[in-house]
Amino acid sequence: MTGVPASAAGSSPSAKGATGASGAPGGAKPTARGGKLGAVAVDQASLWNVANLLTMLRLVLVPGFVALMLADGGYDPVWRAWAWAAFAFAMITDIFDGHLARTYNLVTDFGKIADPIADKAIMGAALICLSSLGDLPWWVTCVILGRELGITLLRFLVIRYGVIPASRGGKLKTLAQGTAVGMYVLALTGPLATLRFWMMAVAVALTVVTGLDYVRQAIVLRGQGIAERRAAAEEAER
């Protein structure tokens, strides 16, 4: 006879049952446990992605920027140059982390919250430092920061009706603000000092205009949301 041993053929029911219960790849319990561990690993990896790391770096950079900006009384050109380098690095990483998150699907809840906080933290720190040193009028700082905080609050208030998309004017505003504030961080004199004044004027104008446009969009979005809810309620009553 040329029969195959039962152990090799796997024909024994008891052997199969033991294999499934002992944690073989086909077992139900080990698969479920492994799935949970795998999901946790994916969640952890998604949090510590390169986009989020750049955002965290910008947050850590804020106190360092302030220290450089105010070093030696705040008027030393060398320290101001280092402060500008830190500010420019923060602005550049702001562009890259958003691009990386969208391109490679690295968007996380942490990034959605931390990214705008990091943006406003470095910009707010720069504006407050410049005004406290007398380089920039306080009303300019109040207008820019008031607009940024107000629009952020407005977004949260109307989020139940929809999301206000970022406009091209808003992107131009961000670019103008970053350029103007960066020029003020540097200890510029002569024609460049005059140029930075006009650059800041453009930034303030864009800040106000785009802020009013966001308010208009929020009012329209809220009106549309209320109208849709009323229509849905009337339809349900029929």
Foldseek 3Di string as FASTA:
>chain_A
DPDDDCVVVVPDPVVVVCCQVVQDPVHDVVVVVVVVVVVVVVVVDLCPDPLNVLLVVLVVLLVVLLCLCCPPNRQDQVSLVVSLVSLVSNLVSLVVSVVCCVVVVSDDPCCVPSSLVSVLSNLLSLLVSCVVSVLDPVVLSCLQSVLSVVLVVLQVVQVVLHGDDQDPLNVVLSVLSSVLSSLSSHPDDDPSSVVSVVSSVVSSVSSVVVSVVSVVVSVVSNVVSVVVVVVVVVVVVD
